[in-house]
Amino acid sequence: MKAEASRIQSAFKRLARERRKALIPYVTAGDPGAEVTVPLMRALVAAGADVIELGVPFSDPWPTGP
């Protein structure tokens, strides 16, 4: 098992033992600026986030057309 999956699995096992729900905020990397992403994630952990979902923005013109 990969370390990342193991950490997530451990978090959910701990939450199950504590009989509580997970707080999993979503952050878009680089929004509003690249320099904000890591401090924002650290603040979310300090505020009680159990897992953070980090999205990577991309540009794909196909779904929106020309």
PDB file of N, CA and C in Angstrom:
ATOM      1  N   MET A   1       0.842  -1.170   0.000  1.00  0.00           N
ATOM      2  CA  MET A   1       0.000   0.000   0.000  1.00  0.00           C
ATOM      3  C   MET A   1       0.892   1.239   0.000  1.00  0.00           C
ATOM      4  N   LYS A   2       0.524   2.245  -0.787  1.00  0.00           N
ATOM      5  CA  LYS A   2       1.302   3.472  -0.843  1.00  0.00           C
ATOM      6  C   LYS A   2       1.151   4.247   0.463  1.00  0.00           C
ATOM      7  N   ALA A   3       2.164   5.032   0.782  1.00  0.00           N
ATOM      8  CA  ALA A   3       2.143   5.805   2.029  1.00  0.00           C
ATOM      9  C   ALA A   3       0.947   6.749   2.080  1.00  0.00           C
ATOM     10  N   GLU A   4       0.617   7.394   0.943  1.00  0.00           N
ATOM     11  CA  GLU A   4      -0.501   8.334   0.926  1.00  0.00           C
ATOM     12  C   GLU A   4      -1.812   7.623   1.252  1.00  0.00           C
ATOM     13  N   ALA A   5      -2.038   6.496   0.610  1.00  0.00           N
ATOM     14  CA  ALA A   5      -3.264   5.734   0.860  1.00  0.00           C
ATOM     15  C   ALA A   5      -3.289   5.252   2.298  1.00  0.00           C
ATOM     16  N   SER A   6      -2.152   4.859   2.822  1.00  0.00           N
ATOM     17  CA  SER A   6      -2.076   4.377   4.189  1.00  0.00           C
ATOM     18  C   SER A   6      -2.437   5.496   5.169  1.00  0.00           C
ATOM     19  N   ARG A   7      -1.980   6.719   4.909  1.00  0.00           N
ATOM     20  CA  ARG A   7      -2.285   7.847   5.796  1.00  0.00           C
ATOM     21  C   ARG A   7      -3.767   8.174   5.753  1.00  0.00           C
ATOM     22  N   ILE A   8      -4.356   8.114   4.589  1.00  0.00           N
ATOM     23  CA  ILE A   8      -5.790   8.378   4.465  1.00  0.00           C
ATOM     24  C   ILE A   8      -6.580   7.284   5.163  1.00  0.00           C
ATOM     25  N   GLN A   9      -6.185   6.043   4.927  1.00  0.00           N
ATOM     26  CA  GLN A   9      -6.858   4.920   5.576  1.00  0.00           C
ATOM     27  C   GLN A   9      -6.735   5.029   7.093  1.00  0.00           C
ATOM     28  N   SER A  10      -5.570   5.401   7.580  1.00  0.00           N
ATOM     29  CA  SER A  10      -5.374   5.565   9.031  1.00  0.00           C
ATOM     30  C   SER A  10      -6.276   6.660   9.576  1.00  0.00           C
ATOM     31  N   ALA A  11      -6.422   7.748   8.828  1.00  0.00           N
ATOM     32  CA  ALA A  11      -7.294   8.843   9.271  1.00  0.00           C
ATOM     33  C   ALA A  11      -8.735   8.358   9.397  1.00  0.00           C
ATOM     34  N   PHE A  12      -9.207   7.590   8.424  1.00  0.00           N
ATOM     35  CA  PHE A  12     -10.583   7.094   8.482  1.00  0.00           C
ATOM     36  C   PHE A  12     -10.771   6.055   9.590  1.00  0.00           C
ATOM     37  N   LYS A  13      -9.774   5.253   9.840  1.00  0.00           N
ATOM     38  CA  LYS A  13      -9.865   4.299  10.955  1.00  0.00           C
ATOM     39  C   LYS A  13      -9.946   5.038  12.281  1.00  0.00           C
ATOM     40  N   ARG A  14      -9.129   6.097  12.439  1.00  0.00           N
ATOM     41  CA  ARG A  14      -9.162   6.894  13.663  1.00  0.00           C
ATOM     42  C   ARG A  14     -10.531   7.550  13.826  1.00  0.00           C
ATOM     43  N   LEU A  15     -11.056   8.108  12.757  1.00  0.00           N
ATOM     44  CA  LEU A  15     -12.377   8.741  12.815  1.00  0.00           C
ATOM     45  C   LEU A  15     -13.464   7.737  13.193  1.00  0.00           C
ATOM     46  N   ALA A  16     -13.364   6.527  12.660  1.00  0.00           N
ATOM     47  CA  ALA A  16     -14.352   5.492  12.991  1.00  0.00           C
ATOM     48  C   ALA A  16     -14.283   5.140  14.475  1.00  0.00           C
ATOM     49  N   ARG A  17     -13.071   5.020  15.001  1.00  0.00           N
ATOM     50  CA  ARG A  17     -12.913   4.730  16.437  1.00  0.00           C
ATOM     51  C   ARG A  17     -13.513   5.844  17.285  1.00  0.00           C
ATOM     52  N   GLU A  18     -13.333   7.097  16.816  1.00  0.00           N
ATOM     53  CA  GLU A  18     -13.840   8.252  17.549  1.00  0.00           C
ATOM     54  C   GLU A  18     -15.311   8.526  17.247  1.00  0.00           C
ATOM     55  N   ARG A  19     -15.871   7.739  16.336  1.00  0.00           N
ATOM     56  CA  ARG A  19     -17.279   7.873  15.947  1.00  0.00           C
ATOM     57  C   ARG A  19     -17.613   9.297  15.522  1.00  0.00           C
ATOM     58  N   ARG A  20     -16.778   9.826  14.617  1.00  0.00           N
ATOM     59  CA  ARG A  20     -17.052  11.163  14.105  1.00  0.00           C
ATOM     60  C   ARG A  20     -16.833  11.225  12.603  1.00  0.00           C
ATOM     61  N   LYS A  21     -17.383  12.242  12.006  1.00  0.00           N
ATOM     62  CA  LYS A  21     -17.286  12.450  10.562  1.00  0.00           C
ATOM     63  C   LYS A  21     -15.955  13.105  10.227  1.00  0.00           C
ATOM     64  N   ALA A  22     -15.571  13.003   8.964  1.00  0.00           N
ATOM     65  CA  ALA A  22     -14.333  13.615   8.504  1.00  0.00           C
ATOM     66  C   ALA A  22     -14.582  15.016   7.972  1.00  0.00           C
ATOM     67  N   LEU A  23     -13.639  15.903   8.235  1.00  0.00           N
ATOM     68  CA  LEU A  23     -13.629  17.223   7.624  1.00  0.00           C
ATOM     69  C   LEU A  23     -12.594  17.166   6.510  1.00  0.00           C
ATOM     70  N   ILE A  24     -13.068  17.255   5.254  1.00  0.00           N
ATOM     71  CA  ILE A  24     -12.189  17.125   4.090  1.00  0.00           C
ATOM     72  C   ILE A  24     -12.396  18.331   3.177  1.00  0.00           C
ATOM     73  N   PRO A  25     -11.679  19.419   3.428  1.00  0.00           N
ATOM     74  CA  PRO A  25     -11.815  20.583   2.557  1.00  0.00           C
ATOM     75  C   PRO A  25     -11.113  20.354   1.215  1.00  0.00           C
ATOM     76  N   TYR A  26     -11.607  21.061   0.207  1.00  0.00           N
ATOM     77  CA  TYR A  26     -11.024  20.995  -1.138  1.00  0.00           C
ATOM     78  C   TYR A  26     -10.313  22.315  -1.406  1.00  0.00           C
ATOM     79  N   VAL A  27      -9.089  22.242  -1.896  1.00  0.00           N
ATOM     80  CA  VAL A  27      -8.303  23.420  -2.232  1.00  0.00           C
ATOM     81  C   VAL A  27      -7.833  23.277  -3.676  1.00  0.00           C
ATOM     82  N   THR A  28      -8.003  24.341  -4.451  1.00  0.00           N
ATOM     83  CA  THR A  28      -7.457  24.353  -5.808  1.00  0.00           C
ATOM     84  C   THR A  28      -6.043  24.915  -5.732  1.00  0.00           C
ATOM     85  N   ALA A  29      -5.067  24.136  -6.128  1.00  0.00           N
ATOM     86  CA  ALA A  29      -3.669  24.563  -6.072  1.00  0.00           C
ATOM     87  C   ALA A  29      -3.481  25.853  -6.863  1.00  0.00           C
ATOM     88  N   GLY A  30      -2.819  26.814  -6.246  1.00  0.00           N
ATOM     89  CA  GLY A  30      -2.497  28.055  -6.928  1.00  0.00           C
ATOM     90  C   GLY A  30      -3.606  29.091  -6.939  1.00  0.00           C
ATOM     91  N   ASP A  31      -4.730  28.824  -6.275  1.00  0.00           N
ATOM     92  CA  ASP A  31      -5.822  29.792  -6.276  1.00  0.00           C
ATOM     93  C   ASP A  31      -6.022  30.324  -4.866  1.00  0.00           C
ATOM     94  N   PRO A  32      -5.890  31.578  -4.622  1.00  0.00           N
ATOM     95  CA  PRO A  32      -5.801  32.681  -5.568  1.00  0.00           C
ATOM     96  C   PRO A  32      -4.387  32.958  -6.068  1.00  0.00           C
ATOM     97  N   GLY A  33      -3.380  32.374  -5.463  1.00  0.00           N
ATOM     98  CA  GLY A  33      -1.998  32.520  -5.927  1.00  0.00           C
ATOM     99  C   GLY A  33      -1.178  31.354  -5.409  1.00  0.00           C
ATOM    100  N   ALA A  34      -0.128  31.014  -6.141  1.00  0.00           N
ATOM    101  CA  ALA A  34       0.695  29.859  -5.772  1.00  0.00           C
ATOM    102  C   ALA A  34       1.266  29.992  -4.362  1.00  0.00           C
ATOM    103  N   GLU A  35       1.593  31.212  -3.951  1.00  0.00           N
ATOM    104  CA  GLU A  35       2.198  31.423  -2.634  1.00  0.00           C
ATOM    105  C   GLU A  35       1.216  31.211  -1.489  1.00  0.00           C
ATOM    106  N   VAL A  36      -0.064  31.077  -1.802  1.00  0.00           N
ATOM    107  CA  VAL A  36      -1.096  30.920  -0.770  1.00  0.00           C
ATOM    108  C   VAL A  36      -1.398  29.453  -0.481  1.00  0.00           C
ATOM    109  N   THR A  37      -1.142  28.561  -1.421  1.00  0.00           N
ATOM    110  CA  THR A  37      -1.582  27.171  -1.313  1.00  0.00           C
ATOM    111  C   THR A  37      -1.069  26.466  -0.060  1.00  0.00           C
ATOM    112  N   VAL A  38       0.223  26.446   0.168  1.00  0.00           N
ATOM    113  CA  VAL A  38       0.777  25.710   1.317  1.00  0.00           C
ATOM    114  C   VAL A  38       0.362  26.340   2.644  1.00  0.00           C
ATOM    115  N   PRO A  39       0.469  27.675   2.805  1.00  0.00           N
ATOM    116  CA  PRO A  39      -0.016  28.250   4.070  1.00  0.00           C
ATOM    117  C   PRO A  39      -1.499  27.982   4.324  1.00  0.00           C
ATOM    118  N   LEU A  40      -2.299  27.997   3.268  1.00  0.00           N
ATOM    119  CA  LEU A  40      -3.725  27.695   3.405  1.00  0.00           C
ATOM    120  C   LEU A  40      -3.934  26.264   3.887  1.00  0.00           C
ATOM    121  N   MET A  41      -3.197  25.327   3.306  1.00  0.00           N
ATOM    122  CA  MET A  41      -3.325  23.932   3.715  1.00  0.00           C
ATOM    123  C   MET A  41      -2.899  23.749   5.172  1.00  0.00           C
ATOM    124  N   ARG A  42      -1.831  24.419   5.579  1.00  0.00           N
ATOM    125  CA  ARG A  42      -1.386  24.330   6.975  1.00  0.00           C
ATOM    126  C   ARG A  42      -2.441  24.915   7.919  1.00  0.00           C
ATOM    127  N   ALA A  43      -3.063  26.002   7.510  1.00  0.00           N
ATOM    128  CA  ALA A  43      -4.120  26.603   8.323  1.00  0.00           C
ATOM    129  C   ALA A  43      -5.321  25.667   8.439  1.00  0.00           C
ATOM    130  N   LEU A  44      -5.646  24.958   7.357  1.00  0.00           N
ATOM    131  CA  LEU A  44      -6.760  24.013   7.398  1.00  0.00           C
ATOM    132  C   LEU A  44      -6.473  22.860   8.365  1.00  0.00           C
ATOM    133  N   VAL A  45      -5.237  22.372   8.367  1.00  0.00           N
ATOM    134  CA  VAL A  45      -4.863  21.309   9.312  1.00  0.00           C
ATOM    135  C   VAL A  45      -4.968  21.837  10.746  1.00  0.00           C
ATOM    136  N   ALA A  46      -4.466  23.051  10.972  1.00  0.00           N
ATOM    137  CA  ALA A  46      -4.533  23.643  12.313  1.00  0.00           C
ATOM    138  C   ALA A  46      -5.980  23.846  12.761  1.00  0.00           C
ATOM    139  N   ALA A  47      -6.880  24.059  11.791  1.00  0.00           N
ATOM    140  CA  ALA A  47      -8.291  24.268  12.104  1.00  0.00           C
ATOM    141  C   ALA A  47      -9.063  22.963  12.261  1.00  0.00           C
ATOM    142  N   GLY A  48      -8.384  21.819  12.023  1.00  0.00           N
ATOM    143  CA  GLY A  48      -9.034  20.539  12.269  1.00  0.00           C
ATOM    144  C   GLY A  48      -9.329  19.684  11.064  1.00  0.00           C
ATOM    145  N   ALA A  49      -8.817  20.040   9.890  1.00  0.00           N
ATOM    146  CA  ALA A  49      -9.044  19.206   8.703  1.00  0.00           C
ATOM    147  C   ALA A  49      -8.419  17.829   8.920  1.00  0.00           C
ATOM    148  N   ASP A  50      -9.179  16.795   8.564  1.00  0.00           N
ATOM    149  CA  ASP A  50      -8.675  15.430   8.704  1.00  0.00           C
ATOM    150  C   ASP A  50      -7.898  14.990   7.472  1.00  0.00           C
ATOM    151  N   VAL A  51      -8.378  15.396   6.309  1.00  0.00           N
ATOM    152  CA  VAL A  51      -7.759  15.096   5.022  1.00  0.00           C
ATOM    153  C   VAL A  51      -7.980  16.332   4.166  1.00  0.00           C
ATOM    154  N   ILE A  52      -7.038  16.656   3.296  1.00  0.00           N
ATOM    155  CA  ILE A  52      -7.220  17.778   2.375  1.00  0.00           C
ATOM    156  C   ILE A  52      -7.170  17.242   0.953  1.00  0.00           C
ATOM    157  N   GLU A  53      -8.178  17.601   0.176  1.00  0.00           N
ATOM    158  CA  GLU A  53      -8.183  17.237  -1.244  1.00  0.00           C
ATOM    159  C   GLU A  53      -7.601  18.405  -2.013  1.00  0.00           C
ATOM    160  N   LEU A  54      -6.503  18.167  -2.719  1.00  0.00           N
ATOM    161  CA  LEU A  54      -5.817  19.208  -3.475  1.00  0.00           C
ATOM    162  C   LEU A  54      -6.088  19.018  -4.954  1.00  0.00           C
ATOM    163  N   GLY A  55      -6.768  19.979  -5.545  1.00  0.00           N
ATOM    164  CA  GLY A  55      -7.078  19.920  -6.969  1.00  0.00           C
ATOM    165  C   GLY A  55      -6.023  20.632  -7.788  1.00  0.00           C
ATOM    166  N   VAL A  56      -5.761  20.116  -8.951  1.00  0.00           N
ATOM    167  CA  VAL A  56      -4.796  20.718  -9.856  1.00  0.00           C
ATOM    168  C   VAL A  56      -5.568  21.299 -11.042  1.00  0.00           C
ATOM    169  N   PRO A  57      -5.542  22.621 -11.211  1.00  0.00           N
ATOM    170  CA  PRO A  57      -6.286  23.233 -12.305  1.00  0.00           C
ATOM    171  C   PRO A  57      -5.676  22.878 -13.669  1.00  0.00           C
ATOM    172  N   PHE A  58      -6.512  22.850 -14.659  1.00  0.00           N
ATOM    173  CA  PHE A  58      -6.024  22.581 -16.007  1.00  0.00           C
ATOM    174  C   PHE A  58      -6.908  23.339 -16.993  1.00  0.00           C
ATOM    175  N   SER A  59      -6.413  23.482 -18.168  1.00  0.00           N
ATOM    176  CA  SER A  59      -7.187  24.140 -19.220  1.00  0.00           C
ATOM    177  C   SER A  59      -7.420  23.130 -20.317  1.00  0.00           C
ATOM    178  N   ASP A  60      -8.689  22.887 -20.604  1.00  0.00           N
ATOM    179  CA  ASP A  60      -9.060  21.932 -21.647  1.00  0.00           C
ATOM    180  C   ASP A  60     -10.136  22.580 -22.509  1.00  0.00           C
ATOM    181  N   PRO A  61      -9.770  23.084 -23.668  1.00  0.00           N
ATOM    182  CA  PRO A  61     -10.757  23.797 -24.487  1.00  0.00           C
ATOM    183  C   PRO A  61     -11.822  22.899 -25.088  1.00  0.00           C
ATOM    184  N   TRP A  62     -11.635  21.601 -25.109  1.00  0.00           N
ATOM    185  CA  TRP A  62     -12.580  20.700 -25.754  1.00  0.00           C
ATOM    186  C   TRP A  62     -13.993  20.786 -25.163  1.00  0.00           C
ATOM    187  N   PRO A  63     -14.178  20.726 -23.826  1.00  0.00           N
ATOM    188  CA  PRO A  63     -15.541  20.755 -23.296  1.00  0.00           C
ATOM    189  C   PRO A  63     -16.273  22.070 -23.565  1.00  0.00           C
ATOM    190  N   THR A  64     -15.546  23.168 -23.664  1.00  0.00           N
ATOM    191  CA  THR A  64     -16.207  24.463 -23.835  1.00  0.00           C
ATOM    192  C   THR A  64     -16.286  24.909 -25.286  1.00  0.00           C
ATOM    193  N   GLY A  65     -15.613  24.222 -26.168  1.00  0.00           N
ATOM    194  CA  GLY A  65     -15.642  24.594 -27.589  1.00  0.00           C
ATOM    195  C   GLY A  65     -14.568  25.615 -27.939  1.00  0.00           C
ATOM    196  N   PRO A  66     -14.604  26.119 -29.168  1.00  0.00           N
ATOM    197  CA  PRO A  66     -13.549  27.054 -29.620  1.00  0.00           C
ATOM    198  C   PRO A  66     -13.598  28.390 -28.885  1.00  0.00           C
TER     199      PRO A  66
END
